[in-house]
Amino acid sequence: MRMDREKTDGPMISAIGRGGFKVDDGYYTALSISPERADGWAPPAFDALAEADVAALLALDPPPEFLLLGTGSALRQPPLAFKRAVEARGFGIEAMDSRAAARAWAVLRGEGRWIVAALYPLEG
């Protein structure tokens, strides 16, 4: 699925497929993305997800509005301990399947929203 690039600064997800996410000139199986940069991400098993796995995203200055969590090929609720730890730092979490999260990233960044996202692979 190709996505049109909105006029905004920073990395944008331009395509999504079974192999991953295309961001500018890079292609990532799993993705950690902020308004400033996109990086490949080696996420833990979903049930083992911990606040430390997204700490770099949450340390952005100024702080992001919230964390967009792409949960893979299907929507899953994040582990309760993860959710509590992230919320204790003052951040909300919006969880959705990774395709929907990639599309939401494009829309929200196109609106100039200051958000971060961690996207699990579509398979696995």
C-alpha atoms as a PDB file:
ATOM      1  CA  MET A   1       0.000   0.000   0.000  1.00  0.00           C
ATOM      2  CA  ARG A   2       1.479   3.352  -1.045  1.00  0.00           C
ATOM      3  CA  MET A   3       0.751   6.480   0.910  1.00  0.00           C
ATOM      4  CA  ASP A   4       0.992  10.075  -0.297  1.00  0.00           C
ATOM      5  CA  ARG A   5       3.505  12.224   1.506  1.00  0.00           C
ATOM      6  CA  GLU A   6       1.955  15.143   3.290  1.00  0.00           C
ATOM      7  CA  LYS A   7       3.895  18.380   3.373  1.00  0.00           C
ATOM      8  CA  THR A   8       5.541  18.132   6.747  1.00  0.00           C
ATOM      9  CA  ASP A   9       9.041  18.038   8.159  1.00  0.00           C
ATOM     10  CA  GLY A  10      10.563  14.814   9.373  1.00  0.00           C
ATOM     11  CA  PRO A  11      10.319  11.207   8.299  1.00  0.00           C
ATOM     12  CA  MET A  12       7.145   9.956   6.702  1.00  0.00           C
ATOM     13  CA  ILE A  13       5.966   6.414   6.093  1.00  0.00           C
ATOM     14  CA  SER A  14       5.380   6.183   2.352  1.00  0.00           C
ATOM     15  CA  ALA A  15       4.512   2.490   1.924  1.00  0.00           C
ATOM     16  CA  ILE A  16       3.451  -0.511   4.010  1.00  0.00           C
ATOM     17  CA  GLY A  17       3.801  -4.136   3.024  1.00  0.00           C
ATOM     18  CA  ARG A  18       4.342  -7.614   4.451  1.00  0.00           C
ATOM     19  CA  GLY A  19       8.082  -6.883   4.480  1.00  0.00           C
ATOM     20  CA  GLY A  20       7.737  -3.729   6.548  1.00  0.00           C
ATOM     21  CA  PHE A  21       7.555   0.020   6.348  1.00  0.00           C
ATOM     22  CA  LYS A  22       9.159   2.310   3.768  1.00  0.00           C
ATOM     23  CA  VAL A  23      10.303   5.577   5.296  1.00  0.00           C
ATOM     24  CA  ASP A  24      12.007   8.049   2.968  1.00  0.00           C
ATOM     25  CA  ASP A  25      14.990   6.051   1.594  1.00  0.00           C
ATOM     26  CA  GLY A  26      14.894   3.274   4.222  1.00  0.00           C
ATOM     27  CA  TYR A  27      12.889   0.085   4.658  1.00  0.00           C
ATOM     28  CA  TYR A  28      12.224  -1.301   8.151  1.00  0.00           C
ATOM     29  CA  THR A  29      10.659  -4.569   9.307  1.00  0.00           C
ATOM     30  CA  ALA A  30       9.806  -2.971  12.665  1.00  0.00           C
ATOM     31  CA  LEU A  31       9.956   0.774  13.161  1.00  0.00           C
ATOM     32  CA  SER A  32      10.708   3.355  15.824  1.00  0.00           C
ATOM     33  CA  ILE A  33       9.804   6.800  14.499  1.00  0.00           C
ATOM     34  CA  SER A  34       9.692  10.344  15.815  1.00  0.00           C
ATOM     35  CA  PRO A  35       9.248  13.708  14.092  1.00  0.00           C
ATOM     36  CA  GLU A  36      13.049  13.868  13.947  1.00  0.00           C
ATOM     37  CA  ARG A  37      14.132  10.383  12.781  1.00  0.00           C
ATOM     38  CA  ALA A  38      13.184   6.846  11.824  1.00  0.00           C
ATOM     39  CA  ASP A  39      15.113   3.802  13.002  1.00  0.00           C
ATOM     40  CA  GLY A  40      14.816   0.070  12.706  1.00  0.00           C
ATOM     41  CA  TRP A  41      13.505  -1.416  15.933  1.00  0.00           C
ATOM     42  CA  ALA A  42      14.158  -4.835  17.441  1.00  0.00           C
ATOM     43  CA  PRO A  43      11.051  -5.171  19.610  1.00  0.00           C
ATOM     44  CA  PRO A  44      10.706  -7.898  22.204  1.00  0.00           C
ATOM     45  CA  ALA A  45       7.943 -10.491  22.095  1.00  0.00           C
ATOM     46  CA  PHE A  46       4.752  -8.481  22.434  1.00  0.00           C
ATOM     47  CA  ASP A  47       3.912  -9.835  25.895  1.00  0.00           C
ATOM     48  CA  ALA A  48       7.391  -8.804  27.101  1.00  0.00           C
ATOM     49  CA  LEU A  49       7.119  -5.181  25.903  1.00  0.00           C
ATOM     50  CA  ALA A  50       8.489  -2.840  28.593  1.00  0.00           C
ATOM     51  CA  GLU A  51       8.785   0.914  28.981  1.00  0.00           C
ATOM     52  CA  ALA A  52      12.550   0.659  28.390  1.00  0.00           C
ATOM     53  CA  ASP A  53      11.823  -0.571  24.839  1.00  0.00           C
ATOM     54  CA  VAL A  54      10.352   2.840  23.932  1.00  0.00           C
ATOM     55  CA  ALA A  55      12.270   5.029  26.416  1.00  0.00           C
ATOM     56  CA  ALA A  56      14.274   6.773  23.683  1.00  0.00           C
ATOM     57  CA  LEU A  57      11.055   7.843  21.944  1.00  0.00           C
ATOM     58  CA  LEU A  58       9.581   9.183  25.172  1.00  0.00           C
ATOM     59  CA  ALA A  59      12.764  11.157  25.933  1.00  0.00           C
ATOM     60  CA  LEU A  60      12.187  13.451  22.956  1.00  0.00           C
ATOM     61  CA  ASP A  61      12.441  17.175  23.741  1.00  0.00           C
ATOM     62  CA  PRO A  62       9.869  18.620  23.665  1.00  0.00           C
ATOM     63  CA  PRO A  63       7.987  15.575  24.921  1.00  0.00           C
ATOM     64  CA  PRO A  64       5.640  13.871  22.449  1.00  0.00           C
ATOM     65  CA  GLU A  65       1.890  14.197  22.800  1.00  0.00           C
ATOM     66  CA  PHE A  66       1.499  10.404  22.961  1.00  0.00           C
ATOM     67  CA  LEU A  67       2.896   7.067  21.819  1.00  0.00           C
ATOM     68  CA  LEU A  68       1.295   5.422  18.805  1.00  0.00           C
ATOM     69  CA  LEU A  69       1.820   1.670  19.225  1.00  0.00           C
ATOM     70  CA  GLY A  70       1.461  -0.552  16.160  1.00  0.00           C
ATOM     71  CA  THR A  71       0.746  -4.031  17.505  1.00  0.00           C
ATOM     72  CA  GLY A  72       1.520  -6.072  14.371  1.00  0.00           C
ATOM     73  CA  SER A  73      -0.991  -7.550  11.929  1.00  0.00           C
ATOM     74  CA  ALA A  74      -3.831  -7.456  14.486  1.00  0.00           C
ATOM     75  CA  LEU A  75      -4.873  -5.115  17.266  1.00  0.00           C
ATOM     76  CA  ARG A  76      -3.688  -6.302  20.660  1.00  0.00           C
ATOM     77  CA  GLN A  77      -3.799  -4.519  23.980  1.00  0.00           C
ATOM     78  CA  PRO A  78      -0.332  -3.739  25.330  1.00  0.00           C
ATOM     79  CA  PRO A  79       0.806  -5.505  28.517  1.00  0.00           C
ATOM     80  CA  LEU A  80      -0.670  -3.842  31.591  1.00  0.00           C
ATOM     81  CA  ALA A  81       2.750  -3.264  33.193  1.00  0.00           C
ATOM     82  CA  PHE A  82       3.928  -1.490  30.021  1.00  0.00           C
ATOM     83  CA  LYS A  83       0.815   0.647  29.877  1.00  0.00           C
ATOM     84  CA  ARG A  84       1.110   1.642  33.534  1.00  0.00           C
ATOM     85  CA  ALA A  85       4.813   2.485  33.230  1.00  0.00           C
ATOM     86  CA  VAL A  86       4.320   4.678  30.157  1.00  0.00           C
ATOM     87  CA  GLU A  87       1.293   6.405  31.673  1.00  0.00           C
ATOM     88  CA  ALA A  88       3.243   6.984  34.920  1.00  0.00           C
ATOM     89  CA  ARG A  89       5.682   9.035  32.839  1.00  0.00           C
ATOM     90  CA  GLY A  90       2.762  11.191  31.702  1.00  0.00           C
ATOM     91  CA  PHE A  91       2.225   9.734  28.217  1.00  0.00           C
ATOM     92  CA  GLY A  92      -0.865   8.236  26.670  1.00  0.00           C
ATOM     93  CA  ILE A  93      -0.780   5.216  24.375  1.00  0.00           C
ATOM     94  CA  GLU A  94      -2.856   4.720  21.257  1.00  0.00           C
ATOM     95  CA  ALA A  95      -2.675   1.050  20.226  1.00  0.00           C
ATOM     96  CA  MET A  96      -3.833  -0.222  16.840  1.00  0.00           C
ATOM     97  CA  ASP A  97      -2.663  -2.736  14.260  1.00  0.00           C
ATOM     98  CA  SER A  98       0.558  -1.621  12.563  1.00  0.00           C
ATOM     99  CA  ARG A  99      -1.059  -0.817   9.206  1.00  0.00           C
ATOM    100  CA  ALA A 100      -3.564   1.483  10.869  1.00  0.00           C
ATOM    101  CA  ALA A 101      -0.801   3.004  13.003  1.00  0.00           C
ATOM    102  CA  ALA A 102       1.291   3.783   9.894  1.00  0.00           C
ATOM    103  CA  ARG A 103      -1.694   5.480   8.278  1.00  0.00           C
ATOM    104  CA  ALA A 104      -2.449   7.380  11.499  1.00  0.00           C
ATOM    105  CA  TRP A 105       1.193   8.520  11.623  1.00  0.00           C
ATOM    106  CA  ALA A 106       0.852  10.073   8.155  1.00  0.00           C
ATOM    107  CA  VAL A 107      -2.392  11.853   9.036  1.00  0.00           C
ATOM    108  CA  LEU A 108      -1.263  13.105  12.452  1.00  0.00           C
ATOM    109  CA  ARG A 109       2.158  14.265  11.262  1.00  0.00           C
ATOM    110  CA  GLY A 110       0.466  15.904   8.269  1.00  0.00           C
ATOM    111  CA  GLU A 111      -1.473  17.914  10.846  1.00  0.00           C
ATOM    112  CA  GLY A 112       1.817  18.848  12.525  1.00  0.00           C
ATOM    113  CA  ARG A 113       1.174  16.739  15.640  1.00  0.00           C
ATOM    114  CA  TRP A 114       4.291  16.024  17.755  1.00  0.00           C
ATOM    115  CA  ILE A 115       3.951  12.270  18.300  1.00  0.00           C
ATOM    116  CA  VAL A 116       6.140   9.167  18.369  1.00  0.00           C
ATOM    117  CA  ALA A 117       5.437   5.629  17.202  1.00  0.00           C
ATOM    118  CA  ALA A 118       6.718   2.103  17.711  1.00  0.00           C
ATOM    119  CA  LEU A 119       5.461  -0.329  15.092  1.00  0.00           C
ATOM    120  CA  TYR A 120       5.710  -4.100  15.400  1.00  0.00           C
ATOM    121  CA  PRO A 121       6.242  -6.128  12.222  1.00  0.00           C
ATOM    122  CA  LEU A 122       3.161  -7.134  10.265  1.00  0.00           C
ATOM    123  CA  GLU A 123       4.071 -10.817  10.514  1.00  0.00           C
ATOM    124  CA  GLY A 124       5.147 -12.742  13.574  1.00  0.00           C
END
